[in-house]
């Protein structure tokens, strides 16, 4: 490719309204252009990089038995209605009617279609196991797109779907994907961390997210440096020290004027926050057919409620913070509230395990300026749900080894789910086993976002001059810069360009005659091509061409006759370095 013909200009000025440096850099380098909120065009450089990422994904999926298909972006609503997701997903799912008045969906994922294809194509246990995948556009109407390609509305995803006859087969395919995702990360130059995840709208029982650790990440991860436990904060658990006060003392109402917070209450009574019970109020929505319900979440005073865990254990579609008047309507007093004495059914009471197992705690008396001593779950109030709903935070004890947990930030580039029979049972995807019994196919779902992966690579591989992409992802392998002014020199530059092409080397040739050396070098650094070869009259006088790596400032002269072989050897070396460790990626231990 000649720079003089390249579609997409580099930008000298810093783009406005960009939060993340890698986003700014990709805009300035001429990789992407924004069309609307969370909607981007990929220019030739980015498209070449995306194609390389696609090739890695295809190789890894094919290696574990995947067969590539292509599923539509537009789906009949009936499929989503049968699985229940038509009613349980918020406005991020784009619903519309076609000209005939039929309800339709713009795909944000493809579980329904994969299950419907399974219904038509799988009849017998002899056809299982199977693995299908595609690389396809999705649309999710995010409330707040951000970070360039980090969180967008239109995106391309590789999603694969495993089909099995039993749980053992699902676990094997899940484990295969677990290893494949680590291999994909290494091959594109990223060290990924697998963390336990929330199954969310996907359903199922087991999920992992593959995270790129970075301060720009929007996910909070709970990590144990000692034993390696890792989970998204939304799904993390931790060890809870028991409350040792087990005496069965009667309730006692005491005046606590002005003590409407846990901190004030603890100070007033001279106790630790662990001796108190914190009430956190939400309003849950359970779907189109159900009215909203006030939820009272109870955690120990030294902990916080995890809204995601509360939502999941309640089975709610959406969860929002309750307003004071909604709390009052249920017979409780904000700042001094508890479920003690509240009419049954006025609120859904969900209690953290640490509260359910505790001895006497201090809780609100539903009377402004008063609290209750010696409150016990099961005696003084009866919970609707007992579950782990506390939020894991920095410094708490690891549930596995007891050492302190740490919070890190990350970007989720991929996820894997054990779906079970949720979609196959709803859509009639069954098979006949050896005895002639019809059973639902057991499914798994595995996704990885290509644009987000490229954005993370750009974040990892950049400096103040621009991108410095790994060889496996860079749009070109070598940037040939011609500074030749004479016709003879320009002919030599053209001949070297042709030699690179003949040798199968991906070369970006800066042949511009009206650009200065400074502009050419700045553009070369900005675009992030791994290798740079400079040819000029001066370099020829010094013995050949000037050569450098994008990751180094060291320059050297190599003979013109050795340029092609030197570049080929360096390409091989860098690709081999990226493949180091592929055989040793961790597996899923179940």
Protein backbone atom coordinates (compact mmCIF):
# COMPACT_ATOMS: atom_id res chain seq x y z
CA UNK A 1 0.00 0.00 0.00
CA UNK A 2 1.26 3.45 -0.95
CA UNK A 3 0.70 6.24 1.57
CA UNK A 4 -0.08 8.55 -1.33
CA UNK A 5 -3.16 6.38 -2.00
CA UNK A 6 -4.06 5.55 1.61
CA UNK A 7 -7.64 6.44 2.55
CA UNK A 8 -7.52 8.10 5.96
CA UNK A 9 -5.47 11.08 7.07
CA UNK A 10 -3.38 11.42 10.19
CA UNK A 11 -4.43 14.26 12.50
CA UNK A 12 -2.06 16.74 14.08
CA UNK A 13 -4.47 18.19 16.65
CA UNK A 14 -5.78 16.27 19.64
CA UNK A 15 -9.38 15.19 18.94
CA UNK A 16 -11.98 16.77 21.20
CA UNK A 17 -14.36 14.86 23.46
CA UNK A 18 -12.07 11.87 23.94
CA UNK A 19 -11.40 10.44 27.40
CA UNK A 20 -8.83 7.74 26.73
CA UNK A 21 -5.39 8.24 25.20
CA UNK A 22 -5.60 5.13 23.02
CA UNK A 23 -8.88 6.41 21.56
CA UNK A 24 -7.22 9.73 20.75
CA UNK A 25 -4.26 7.93 19.21
CA UNK A 26 -6.40 5.70 16.98
CA UNK A 27 -8.24 8.75 15.71
CA UNK A 28 -5.03 10.67 15.09
CA UNK A 29 -3.40 7.69 13.35
CA UNK A 30 -6.29 7.41 10.89
CA UNK A 31 -7.60 4.07 12.14
CA UNK A 32 -11.17 4.99 13.06
CA UNK A 33 -13.69 7.77 12.64
CA UNK A 34 -16.79 8.35 14.73
CA UNK A 35 -20.14 8.55 12.98
CA UNK A 36 -22.36 8.86 16.06
CA UNK A 37 -22.43 7.99 19.74
CA UNK A 38 -20.83 4.55 20.02
CA UNK A 39 -20.82 4.08 16.21
CA UNK A 40 -17.50 4.00 14.33
CA UNK A 41 -16.15 3.50 10.84
CA UNK A 42 -13.02 1.39 10.54
CA UNK A 43 -10.63 2.90 8.01
CA UNK A 44 -8.18 0.70 6.02
CA UNK A 45 -5.53 0.52 8.76
CA UNK A 46 -7.99 -0.60 11.44
CA UNK A 47 -9.75 -2.93 9.02
CA UNK A 48 -6.47 -4.67 8.23
CA UNK A 49 -5.81 -5.08 11.96
CA UNK A 50 -9.31 -6.42 12.54
CA UNK A 51 -8.84 -8.95 9.73
CA UNK A 52 -5.70 -10.21 11.46
CA UNK A 53 -7.57 -10.56 14.73
CA UNK A 54 -10.30 -12.43 12.86
CA UNK A 55 -7.68 -14.81 11.47
CA UNK A 56 -6.39 -15.58 14.97
CA UNK A 57 -9.92 -16.20 16.21
CA UNK A 58 -10.74 -18.50 13.30
CA UNK A 59 -7.57 -20.52 13.78
CA UNK A 60 -8.23 -20.99 17.49
CA UNK A 61 -11.92 -21.85 17.00
CA UNK A 62 -11.14 -24.28 14.19
CA UNK A 63 -8.48 -25.91 16.36
CA UNK A 64 -11.10 -26.89 18.97
CA UNK A 65 -13.56 -28.21 16.38
CA UNK A 66 -15.48 -25.08 15.47
CA UNK A 67 -17.43 -24.77 12.23
CA UNK A 68 -17.97 -21.26 10.92
CA UNK A 69 -21.46 -20.17 9.93
CA UNK A 70 -23.17 -16.80 9.55
CA UNK A 71 -26.36 -15.84 11.40
CA UNK A 72 -28.58 -12.83 10.65
CA UNK A 73 -28.42 -9.51 12.46
CA UNK A 74 -32.21 -9.08 12.38
CA UNK A 75 -34.31 -11.65 14.26
CA UNK A 76 -38.04 -12.33 14.52
CA UNK A 77 -39.21 -11.35 17.99
CA UNK A 78 -40.87 -14.73 18.49
CA UNK A 79 -37.53 -16.36 19.27
CA UNK A 80 -36.74 -13.81 21.99
CA UNK A 81 -40.28 -14.02 23.33
CA UNK A 82 -40.03 -17.80 23.71
CA UNK A 83 -36.84 -17.51 25.78
CA UNK A 84 -38.28 -14.66 27.86
CA UNK A 85 -35.58 -12.16 26.97
CA UNK A 86 -38.00 -9.97 25.00
CA UNK A 87 -39.54 -8.95 28.34
CA UNK A 88 -36.48 -9.16 30.57
CA UNK A 89 -33.91 -7.08 28.68
CA UNK A 90 -34.10 -3.32 28.98
CA UNK A 91 -33.98 -0.76 26.17
CA UNK A 92 -30.45 -1.83 25.20
CA UNK A 93 -32.25 -4.45 23.07
CA UNK A 94 -33.52 -2.64 19.96
CA UNK A 95 -37.07 -3.71 19.11
CA UNK A 96 -38.89 -2.59 15.97
CA UNK A 97 -41.63 -3.59 13.57
CA UNK A 98 -41.09 -4.44 9.93
CA UNK A 99 -43.40 -3.09 7.20
CA UNK A 100 -45.79 -5.98 7.79
CA UNK A 101 -46.16 -5.09 11.46
CA UNK A 102 -44.13 -8.02 12.76
CA UNK A 103 -42.06 -7.43 15.88
CA UNK A 104 -38.34 -7.73 15.18
CA UNK A 105 -35.08 -7.53 17.12
CA UNK A 106 -31.70 -6.07 16.20
CA UNK A 107 -29.28 -8.70 17.46
CA UNK A 108 -27.21 -7.94 20.53
CA UNK A 109 -26.24 -11.63 20.75
CA UNK A 110 -27.26 -14.86 19.00
CA UNK A 111 -28.24 -17.53 21.55
CA UNK A 112 -31.81 -17.66 20.27
CA UNK A 113 -30.81 -18.11 16.64
CA UNK A 114 -28.16 -20.70 17.52
CA UNK A 115 -30.75 -22.67 19.48
CA UNK A 116 -33.24 -22.42 16.61
CA UNK A 117 -30.62 -23.70 14.15
CA UNK A 118 -29.88 -26.54 16.57
CA UNK A 119 -33.60 -27.40 16.55
CA UNK A 120 -33.60 -27.78 12.77
CA UNK A 121 -30.19 -29.42 12.29
CA UNK A 122 -29.58 -31.69 15.31
CA UNK A 123 -31.75 -34.80 15.60
CA UNK A 124 -29.61 -37.52 17.16
CA UNK A 125 -26.95 -37.98 19.81
CA UNK A 126 -24.72 -39.15 16.96
CA UNK A 127 -24.47 -35.51 15.79
CA UNK A 128 -23.13 -34.36 19.14
CA UNK A 129 -20.91 -32.78 20.28
CA UNK A 130 -20.85 -29.85 17.86
CA UNK A 131 -19.41 -26.34 17.91
CA UNK A 132 -20.57 -23.51 15.65
CA UNK A 133 -19.31 -19.95 15.51
CA UNK A 134 -19.55 -16.77 13.50
CA UNK A 135 -18.02 -13.30 13.37
CA UNK A 136 -20.92 -10.90 13.05
CA UNK A 137 -22.18 -7.39 13.74
CA UNK A 138 -24.19 -6.75 16.89
CA UNK A 139 -26.06 -3.70 18.15
CA UNK A 140 -26.63 -2.85 21.79
CA UNK A 141 -28.18 0.53 22.56
CA UNK A 142 -25.85 1.38 25.42
CA UNK A 143 -27.06 4.14 27.69
CA UNK A 144 -23.57 5.62 27.77
CA UNK A 145 -21.06 4.74 25.06
CA UNK A 146 -17.52 5.65 26.13
CA UNK A 147 -13.83 5.17 25.53
CA UNK A 148 -13.84 4.94 21.77
CA UNK A 149 -14.08 1.24 20.93
CA UNK A 150 -14.14 0.21 24.61
CA UNK A 151 -17.93 0.62 24.94
CA UNK A 152 -19.82 1.07 21.69
CA UNK A 153 -23.33 0.46 20.41
CA UNK A 154 -22.47 -1.24 17.11
CA UNK A 155 -19.70 -3.82 17.32
CA UNK A 156 -18.37 -7.01 15.78
CA UNK A 157 -18.13 -10.11 17.92
CA UNK A 158 -16.92 -13.65 17.53
CA UNK A 159 -19.54 -15.74 19.27
CA UNK A 160 -19.45 -19.50 19.37
CA UNK A 161 -22.02 -21.98 20.64
CA UNK A 162 -21.27 -25.46 21.92
CA UNK A 163 -23.86 -28.22 21.61
CA UNK A 164 -23.64 -31.29 23.82
CA UNK A 165 -25.63 -34.23 25.05
CA UNK A 166 -24.52 -34.03 28.69
CA UNK A 167 -22.79 -31.88 31.27
CA UNK A 168 -19.45 -33.62 30.78
CA UNK A 169 -19.42 -32.57 27.15
CA UNK A 170 -20.29 -28.99 28.08
CA UNK A 171 -17.49 -28.86 30.64
CA UNK A 172 -14.99 -30.11 28.04
CA UNK A 173 -16.02 -27.50 25.45
CA UNK A 174 -16.03 -24.81 28.14
CA UNK A 175 -12.51 -25.82 29.14
CA UNK A 176 -11.41 -25.78 25.49
CA UNK A 177 -12.65 -22.21 25.12
CA UNK A 178 -11.05 -21.19 28.40
CA UNK A 179 -7.65 -22.24 27.07
CA UNK A 180 -8.33 -20.86 23.57
CA UNK A 181 -9.08 -17.41 24.98
CA UNK A 182 -5.77 -17.30 26.78
CA UNK A 183 -4.06 -18.36 23.55
CA UNK A 184 -5.87 -15.62 21.64
CA UNK A 185 -4.70 -13.08 24.20
CA UNK A 186 -1.07 -14.14 23.91
CA UNK A 187 -1.15 -14.21 20.13
CA UNK A 188 -2.36 -10.60 19.94
CA UNK A 189 0.01 -9.44 22.66
CA UNK A 190 -2.27 -9.23 25.71
CA UNK A 191 -1.97 -11.00 29.03
CA UNK A 192 -5.54 -11.71 30.07
CA UNK A 193 -6.93 -12.57 33.48
CA UNK A 194 -9.88 -14.96 33.77
CA UNK A 195 -12.28 -13.97 36.54
CA UNK A 196 -15.52 -15.48 37.74
CA UNK A 197 -18.41 -13.50 36.29
CA UNK A 198 -22.10 -12.84 36.76
CA UNK A 199 -24.27 -14.80 34.30
CA UNK A 200 -26.54 -11.77 33.96
CA UNK A 201 -29.05 -11.75 31.09
CA UNK A 202 -27.36 -14.79 29.52
CA UNK A 203 -28.46 -17.16 32.24
CA UNK A 204 -26.81 -20.47 33.04
CA UNK A 205 -24.79 -21.37 36.08
CA UNK A 206 -21.08 -20.77 35.36
CA UNK A 207 -19.40 -17.83 33.64
CA UNK A 208 -15.91 -16.38 33.26
CA UNK A 209 -14.80 -13.03 31.95
CA UNK A 210 -11.42 -12.51 30.31
CA UNK A 211 -10.02 -9.20 31.48
CA UNK A 212 -7.29 -6.88 30.32
CA UNK A 213 -6.04 -5.15 33.45
CA UNK A 214 -5.78 -1.39 32.98
CA UNK A 215 -6.60 1.75 34.96
CA UNK A 216 -9.03 2.78 32.20
CA UNK A 217 -11.15 -0.32 32.81
CA UNK A 218 -14.78 0.12 33.80
CA UNK A 219 -14.99 -3.21 35.63
CA UNK A 220 -13.84 -3.62 39.22
CA UNK A 221 -12.10 -6.94 39.80
CA UNK A 222 -11.52 -8.64 43.12
CA UNK A 223 -8.18 -10.43 43.11
CA UNK A 224 -6.30 -12.41 45.75
CA UNK A 225 -2.56 -11.92 45.16
CA UNK A 226 -1.82 -14.86 47.45
CA UNK A 227 -3.83 -17.72 45.93
CA UNK A 228 -4.97 -16.32 42.56
CA UNK A 229 -8.70 -16.15 43.23
CA UNK A 230 -10.26 -13.60 40.88
CA UNK A 231 -13.81 -12.49 40.20
CA UNK A 232 -15.71 -9.54 38.91
CA UNK A 233 -16.79 -7.46 41.91
CA UNK A 234 -20.37 -8.08 40.81
CA UNK A 235 -19.95 -11.80 41.51
CA UNK A 236 -17.12 -11.93 44.07
CA UNK A 237 -17.42 -13.61 47.44
CA UNK A 238 -15.25 -13.23 50.52
CA UNK A 239 -14.77 -14.71 53.98
CA UNK A 240 -16.99 -13.13 56.63
CA UNK A 241 -15.87 -13.17 60.23
CA UNK A 242 -18.73 -14.28 62.49
CA UNK A 243 -20.44 -12.04 65.01
CA UNK A 244 -19.65 -13.73 68.31
CA UNK A 245 -22.58 -12.31 70.30
CA UNK A 246 -24.89 -15.33 70.38
CA UNK A 247 -26.78 -14.56 73.60
CA UNK A 248 -30.53 -14.69 73.07
CA UNK A 249 -31.32 -11.34 74.64
CA UNK A 250 -34.71 -9.68 74.23
CA UNK A 251 -35.27 -6.69 72.01
CA UNK A 252 -34.57 -3.36 73.65
CA UNK A 253 -35.50 0.00 72.19
CA UNK A 254 -32.99 2.77 72.89
CA UNK A 255 -32.83 6.44 72.02
CA UNK A 256 -30.17 7.28 69.42
CA UNK A 257 -30.81 10.94 68.60
CA UNK A 258 -29.14 12.09 65.37
CA UNK A 259 -27.58 8.68 64.71
CA UNK A 260 -29.02 8.05 61.25
CA UNK A 261 -25.81 6.59 59.76
CA UNK A 262 -23.83 3.52 60.71
CA UNK A 263 -20.83 5.68 61.62
CA UNK A 264 -22.90 7.92 63.91
CA UNK A 265 -24.69 4.95 65.45
CA UNK A 266 -21.45 3.09 66.17
CA UNK A 267 -19.93 6.17 67.81
CA UNK A 268 -23.04 6.89 69.88
CA UNK A 269 -23.33 3.34 71.24
CA UNK A 270 -19.58 2.68 71.47
CA UNK A 271 -19.70 -0.43 69.28
CA UNK A 272 -18.07 -1.48 66.03
CA UNK A 273 -20.00 -1.29 62.76
CA UNK A 274 -19.93 -5.10 62.66
CA UNK A 275 -22.40 -5.06 65.54
CA UNK A 276 -24.99 -3.19 63.52
CA UNK A 277 -27.41 -4.10 60.75
CA UNK A 278 -27.50 -1.85 57.68
CA UNK A 279 -30.69 -1.62 55.63
CA UNK A 280 -30.32 -0.69 51.94
CA UNK A 281 -33.47 -0.08 49.92
CA UNK A 282 -34.14 -0.77 46.27
CA UNK A 283 -37.15 -0.96 44.00
CA UNK A 284 -37.16 -4.08 41.86
CA UNK A 285 -39.00 -4.58 38.56
CA UNK A 286 -39.81 -8.17 37.72
CA UNK A 287 -41.02 -7.89 34.12
CA UNK A 288 -43.88 -6.58 32.06
CA UNK A 289 -46.49 -8.64 33.93
CA UNK A 290 -45.41 -7.73 37.45
CA UNK A 291 -45.56 -4.51 39.43
CA UNK A 292 -42.50 -3.09 41.12
CA UNK A 293 -41.63 -4.10 44.67
CA UNK A 294 -39.66 -2.45 47.46
CA UNK A 295 -36.63 -4.56 48.41
CA UNK A 296 -35.00 -4.28 51.82
CA UNK A 297 -31.45 -5.62 51.66
CA UNK A 298 -29.81 -6.22 55.03
CA UNK A 299 -26.04 -6.45 55.46
CA UNK A 300 -23.81 -6.07 58.48
CA UNK A 301 -22.87 -2.47 59.19
CA UNK A 302 -19.23 -3.03 58.25
CA UNK A 303 -20.27 -4.17 54.76
CA UNK A 304 -22.12 -2.77 51.74
CA UNK A 305 -24.87 -4.34 49.65
CA UNK A 306 -23.95 -5.52 46.16
CA UNK A 307 -26.79 -4.37 43.86
CA UNK A 308 -26.00 -7.01 41.23
CA UNK A 309 -26.18 -9.86 43.75
CA UNK A 310 -29.37 -8.39 45.21
CA UNK A 311 -30.89 -8.18 41.74
CA UNK A 312 -29.86 -11.72 40.82
CA UNK A 313 -31.08 -13.33 44.04
CA UNK A 314 -34.38 -11.45 43.80
CA UNK A 315 -34.82 -12.49 40.20
CA UNK A 316 -35.48 -8.87 39.23
CA UNK A 317 -35.30 -7.42 35.73
CA UNK A 318 -34.14 -4.02 36.93
CA UNK A 319 -33.13 -2.56 40.26
CA UNK A 320 -32.95 1.09 41.30
CA UNK A 321 -32.41 2.96 44.55
CA UNK A 322 -35.63 3.52 46.49
CA UNK A 323 -36.90 7.01 47.21
CA UNK A 324 -37.60 8.06 50.84
CA UNK A 325 -41.36 8.20 50.24
CA UNK A 326 -41.31 4.59 48.97
CA UNK A 327 -39.61 3.47 52.18
CA UNK A 328 -42.13 5.37 54.29
CA UNK A 329 -45.03 3.83 52.35
CA UNK A 330 -43.87 0.39 53.51
CA UNK A 331 -43.99 1.46 57.16
CA UNK A 332 -40.30 2.19 57.69
CA UNK A 333 -38.41 5.36 58.59
CA UNK A 334 -35.37 6.30 56.50
CA UNK A 335 -32.23 6.45 58.65
CA UNK A 336 -33.87 4.36 61.37
CA UNK A 337 -35.37 1.56 59.29
CA UNK A 338 -35.50 -2.21 59.62
CA UNK A 339 -38.02 -4.94 58.77
CA UNK A 340 -38.81 -5.47 62.46
CA UNK A 341 -42.52 -4.88 62.98
CA UNK A 342 -43.22 -4.25 59.31
CA UNK A 343 -46.36 -5.82 57.87
CA UNK A 344 -45.71 -9.05 55.97
CA UNK A 345 -45.52 -8.46 52.22
CA UNK A 346 -44.87 -4.73 52.54
CA UNK A 347 -41.33 -5.28 51.33
CA UNK A 348 -39.22 -8.12 49.98
CA UNK A 349 -36.58 -8.78 52.64
CA UNK A 350 -33.27 -10.22 51.46
CA UNK A 351 -30.66 -10.87 54.13
CA UNK A 352 -26.94 -11.43 53.78
CA UNK A 353 -25.62 -14.66 55.29
CA UNK A 354 -23.56 -12.75 57.84
CA UNK A 355 -26.71 -11.09 59.20
CA UNK A 356 -28.70 -14.34 59.18
CA UNK A 357 -25.97 -16.10 61.20
CA UNK A 358 -25.25 -13.25 63.59
CA UNK A 359 -26.22 -12.89 67.20
CA UNK A 360 -27.84 -9.72 68.51
CA UNK A 361 -27.37 -6.74 66.17
CA UNK A 362 -28.42 -3.12 66.42
CA UNK A 363 -31.07 -2.23 63.84
CA UNK A 364 -33.50 0.59 63.18
CA UNK A 365 -36.68 0.83 65.26
CA UNK A 366 -38.72 2.52 62.52
CA UNK A 367 -39.02 5.46 64.86
CA UNK A 368 -36.94 8.58 64.20
CA UNK A 369 -34.17 8.84 66.82
CA UNK A 370 -34.47 5.23 68.03
CA UNK A 371 -32.80 1.87 67.39
CA UNK A 372 -33.33 -1.68 68.58
CA UNK A 373 -30.69 -3.73 70.43
CA UNK A 374 -30.33 -7.52 70.22
CA UNK A 375 -32.11 -7.95 66.87
CA UNK A 376 -32.00 -11.53 65.55
CA UNK A 377 -32.94 -12.73 62.10
CA UNK A 378 -35.60 -15.45 62.26
CA UNK A 379 -36.86 -14.34 65.65
CA UNK A 380 -37.59 -10.64 65.28
CA UNK A 381 -38.18 -10.64 61.52
CA UNK A 382 -38.42 -13.30 58.85
CA UNK A 383 -36.47 -12.92 55.61
CA UNK A 384 -37.83 -13.85 52.23
CA UNK A 385 -34.35 -14.68 50.93
CA UNK A 386 -31.02 -15.44 52.64
CA UNK A 387 -28.04 -15.19 50.31
CA UNK A 388 -24.60 -13.71 49.80
CA UNK A 389 -25.38 -10.09 48.89
CA UNK A 390 -22.40 -8.24 50.43
CA UNK A 391 -19.99 -6.31 48.22
CA UNK A 392 -16.37 -7.50 48.19
CA UNK A 393 -13.96 -4.61 48.72
CA UNK A 394 -10.25 -4.03 49.13
CA UNK A 395 -8.69 -5.64 52.22
CA UNK A 396 -11.40 -8.19 53.01
CA UNK A 397 -10.37 -11.81 53.54
CA UNK A 398 -10.17 -14.22 50.61
CA UNK A 399 -12.73 -17.00 50.94
CA UNK A 400 -10.12 -19.55 49.82
CA UNK A 401 -6.95 -18.62 51.71
CA UNK A 402 -7.93 -15.87 54.12
CA UNK A 403 -5.37 -13.37 52.80
CA UNK A 404 -6.38 -9.77 51.95
CA UNK A 405 -8.18 -9.15 48.66
CA UNK A 406 -7.25 -6.33 46.29
CA UNK A 407 -9.37 -4.33 43.84
CA UNK A 408 -8.07 -3.83 40.30
CA UNK A 409 -9.59 -2.27 37.20
CA UNK A 410 -10.06 -4.10 33.92
CA UNK A 411 -11.75 -4.19 30.52
CA UNK A 412 -13.73 -7.30 29.63
CA UNK A 413 -12.62 -8.46 26.18
CA UNK A 414 -14.29 -11.87 26.23
CA UNK A 415 -16.70 -14.04 28.19
CA UNK A 416 -17.78 -17.66 28.34
CA UNK A 417 -21.01 -19.10 29.74
CA UNK A 418 -22.35 -22.54 30.54
CA UNK A 419 -25.93 -22.00 29.41
CA UNK A 420 -27.27 -25.48 30.04
CA UNK A 421 -30.74 -26.02 28.56
CA UNK A 422 -32.22 -22.52 29.01
CA UNK A 423 -32.40 -21.76 25.28
CA UNK A 424 -32.66 -25.24 23.85
CA UNK A 425 -35.61 -26.16 26.08
CA UNK A 426 -37.42 -22.91 25.29
CA UNK A 427 -36.97 -23.30 21.53
CA UNK A 428 -37.40 -27.05 21.21
CA UNK A 429 -33.78 -27.91 20.35
CA UNK A 430 -33.75 -31.59 21.28
CA UNK A 431 -32.06 -34.83 20.28
CA UNK A 432 -32.82 -38.53 20.61
CA UNK A 433 -30.43 -40.45 22.85
CA UNK A 434 -29.43 -44.11 22.41
CA UNK A 435 -32.65 -45.30 24.04
CA UNK A 436 -34.91 -43.10 21.89
CA UNK A 437 -35.60 -40.59 24.65
CA UNK A 438 -35.85 -36.98 23.53
CA UNK A 439 -33.65 -34.59 25.52
CA UNK A 440 -32.75 -30.90 25.26
CA UNK A 441 -29.35 -30.06 23.83
CA UNK A 442 -26.97 -28.62 26.43
CA UNK A 443 -25.46 -25.36 25.24
CA UNK A 444 -22.55 -23.05 25.97
CA UNK A 445 -21.96 -19.52 24.68
CA UNK A 446 -18.57 -17.86 24.15
CA UNK A 447 -18.01 -14.29 22.96
CA UNK A 448 -15.10 -11.99 22.27
CA UNK A 449 -15.36 -8.44 20.92
CA UNK A 450 -12.99 -7.59 18.07
CA UNK A 451 -13.13 -3.81 18.29
CA UNK A 452 -12.74 -3.80 22.04
CA UNK A 453 -9.82 -6.21 21.72
CA UNK A 454 -8.15 -3.83 19.24
CA UNK A 455 -8.77 -0.90 21.60
CA UNK A 456 -7.11 -2.77 24.46
CA UNK A 457 -4.13 -3.61 22.26
CA UNK A 458 -3.85 0.07 21.33
CA UNK A 459 -3.97 0.99 25.02
CA UNK A 460 -1.23 -1.50 25.88
CA UNK A 461 1.01 -0.72 22.91
CA UNK A 462 1.42 3.05 22.63
CA UNK A 463 3.68 5.86 23.73
CA UNK A 464 3.62 9.64 23.45
CA UNK A 465 4.40 9.41 19.73
CA UNK A 466 1.63 7.02 18.77
CA UNK A 467 0.87 3.32 18.44
CA UNK A 468 3.47 0.55 18.51
CA UNK A 469 1.39 -2.48 17.65
CA UNK A 470 2.53 -6.10 17.90
CA UNK A 471 3.46 -7.84 14.68
CA UNK A 472 0.42 -10.13 14.73
CA UNK A 473 -2.05 -7.23 14.78
CA UNK A 474 -0.31 -4.30 13.04
CA UNK A 475 -1.92 -3.42 9.69
CA UNK A 476 1.47 -3.65 7.98
CA UNK A 477 4.70 -5.37 8.98
CA UNK A 478 7.10 -2.72 7.70
CA UNK A 479 6.87 0.97 6.91
CA UNK A 480 9.16 1.83 3.99
CA UNK A 481 9.91 5.55 4.06
CA UNK A 482 11.42 7.12 0.97
CA UNK A 483 13.36 10.35 1.43
CA UNK A 484 14.86 10.12 -2.03
CA UNK A 485 14.83 13.31 -4.12
CA UNK A 486 16.61 12.24 -7.26
CA UNK A 487 14.98 10.15 -9.99
CA UNK A 488 17.63 7.45 -9.45
CA UNK A 489 16.93 7.31 -5.70
CA UNK A 490 13.20 7.19 -6.25
CA UNK A 491 13.66 4.30 -8.65
CA UNK A 492 15.68 2.42 -6.02
CA UNK A 493 12.94 3.05 -3.43
CA UNK A 494 10.31 1.77 -5.86
CA UNK A 495 12.42 -1.31 -6.61
CA UNK A 496 12.80 -2.06 -2.89
CA UNK A 497 9.04 -1.71 -2.41
CA UNK A 498 8.47 -4.25 -5.19
CA UNK A 499 11.03 -6.62 -3.63
CA UNK A 500 9.17 -6.48 -0.31
CA UNK A 501 5.87 -7.24 -2.05
CA UNK A 502 7.42 -10.11 -4.03
CA UNK A 503 8.75 -11.60 -0.79
CA UNK A 504 5.25 -11.59 0.72
CA UNK A 505 6.01 -8.82 3.20
CA UNK A 506 3.16 -6.49 4.14
CA UNK A 507 4.59 -3.06 3.44
CA UNK A 508 3.28 0.47 3.77
CA UNK A 509 5.31 2.58 1.35
CA UNK A 510 5.52 6.30 2.14
CA UNK A 511 6.11 7.51 -1.40
CA UNK A 512 4.81 11.04 -0.89
CA UNK A 513 6.89 13.65 -2.70
CA UNK A 514 5.30 16.68 -1.07
CA UNK A 515 5.76 15.63 2.58
CA UNK A 516 8.82 16.52 4.63
CA UNK A 517 11.02 13.94 6.36
CA UNK A 518 9.69 15.13 9.72
CA UNK A 519 6.08 14.56 8.67
CA UNK A 520 6.87 11.12 7.30
CA UNK A 521 8.67 10.05 10.46
CA UNK A 522 5.90 11.44 12.67
CA UNK A 523 3.24 9.58 10.67
CA UNK A 524 5.28 6.39 10.76
CA UNK A 525 5.55 6.55 14.56
CA UNK A 526 1.88 7.46 14.94
CA UNK A 527 0.60 4.55 12.84
CA UNK A 528 2.53 2.03 14.90
CA UNK A 529 3.88 -0.27 12.17
CA UNK A 530 6.45 -2.53 13.92
CA UNK A 531 9.41 -2.08 11.52
CA UNK A 532 10.71 0.96 9.69
CA UNK A 533 13.05 1.02 6.72
CA UNK A 534 14.25 4.40 5.44
CA UNK A 535 15.86 4.81 2.06
CA UNK A 536 17.51 8.05 0.98
CA UNK A 537 20.50 9.27 -0.99
CA UNK A 538 22.38 9.68 2.28
CA UNK A 539 21.57 6.17 3.52
CA UNK A 540 22.76 4.76 0.20
CA UNK A 541 25.98 6.72 0.50
CA UNK A 542 26.39 5.23 4.00
CA UNK A 543 26.06 1.70 2.69
CA UNK A 544 22.38 0.85 2.23
CA UNK A 545 19.11 1.61 4.06
CA UNK A 546 18.40 2.79 7.59
CA UNK A 547 16.49 0.38 9.75
CA UNK A 548 14.79 0.51 13.17
CA UNK A 549 12.12 -1.09 15.32
CA UNK A 550 9.08 0.95 16.38
CA UNK A 551 9.79 -0.06 19.98
CA UNK A 552 13.36 1.30 19.92
CA UNK A 553 15.14 4.53 19.01
CA UNK A 554 18.23 2.66 17.83
CA UNK A 555 18.92 3.02 14.12
CA UNK A 556 21.40 1.14 11.99
CA UNK A 557 22.45 0.87 8.35
CA UNK A 558 22.05 -2.45 6.57
CA UNK A 559 23.11 -3.23 2.98
CA UNK A 560 20.32 -2.79 0.47
CA UNK A 561 20.77 -6.39 -0.64
CA UNK A 562 20.09 -7.58 2.94
CA UNK A 563 17.00 -5.47 3.58
CA UNK A 564 14.41 -8.04 2.56
CA UNK A 565 15.98 -10.90 4.49
CA UNK A 566 16.59 -8.75 7.56
CA UNK A 567 12.93 -7.73 7.62
CA UNK A 568 11.71 -11.30 7.10
CA UNK A 569 13.92 -12.58 9.93
CA UNK A 570 12.67 -9.87 12.30
CA UNK A 571 9.03 -10.59 11.42
CA UNK A 572 9.59 -14.27 12.21
CA UNK A 573 11.33 -13.44 15.48
CA UNK A 574 8.55 -11.16 16.69
CA UNK A 575 5.80 -13.60 15.76
CA UNK A 576 7.66 -16.42 17.50
CA UNK A 577 7.97 -14.28 20.62
CA UNK A 578 4.20 -13.77 20.66
CA UNK A 579 3.68 -17.53 20.39
CA UNK A 580 5.91 -18.26 23.37
CA UNK A 581 3.92 -19.91 26.12
CA UNK A 582 0.94 -20.98 24.02
CA UNK A 583 1.33 -24.57 25.14
CA UNK A 584 1.36 -23.57 28.80
CA UNK A 585 -1.82 -21.51 29.05
CA UNK A 586 -3.88 -22.35 32.14
CA UNK A 587 -6.89 -24.60 31.97
CA UNK A 588 -10.22 -24.41 33.73
CA UNK A 589 -10.24 -26.53 36.86
CA UNK A 590 -14.00 -26.81 37.10
